[in-house]
Amino acid sequence: MQESACIRAALGHRGGMAKDSIPPPPDAGSLYQAALYYLARYAATEAGLRRVLVQKIDRWARLQTDLDAAEPVITAARAAVDGVVARLVQAGAVSDTAFAENRSKTLVRAGQSNRSIQARLVAKGVPPEMARAASATDADTELAAALVLVRKRRIGPYRAVEDGDAVIRNKELGLLARAGFSRDIAQQALDTTREDAETRIHDLRQ
């Protein structure tokens, strides 16, 4: 409980950190503080936070003039990274499940397809099975997401020309396909009336 309270206090702090001309050697303590500072600004997965901490160590290493002398510090710091991340996971400051669920909601409302969301989550370090579960949507939600993109790109019911020819329609189908939407969803999105599209988009964002 005490550690969770400390983490909440640190995450609530938005102040900057002093920049020393010569950064101190990284260790478990400084990496833990760096992780808290990062999490106060950004959501992260376990893998994402691990990358951030390793990059911090690598930046310090590049500033050293004697790499042989610095090697023990670098090795110890890298060995401490997993423990720092595990400590924050145990305290609830990092959760791949929460990250995946929250990011999925944001992305689908922004017009991302199930396939695109899953790929983005995996790229952020979410395990594939978890990403697949978090990004799963029903057909109505997938159609609403496609309509968000349709409105953004001014195609289908939002195109300037009311009736597009076959060439225009194929281009629009291709755009939706490249965004990860199935052909069936793409066709439904292009055939939806503007009024129905607005209703579906509104419901998606509630």
Foldseek 3Di string as FASTA:
>chain_A
DVVLVVLVVLLCDQDDDDDDPQDDQDALVVLLSVLSNVLSPDAAALVLSLVVQLVVLVVNCVPDPDNVVCVVSSVRNNVSSNVSSVVCVVSVSHDLLVVLQVQLLVLLLQLAALVRQLVVSVVRPRPNVSSNVNSDDDLLSRLLSNLNVCCVVLAQQRPPDRDDDPVRLVVQLVVSVVSPDDSVSSVCSNPDHPVVSVVSSVVSVD
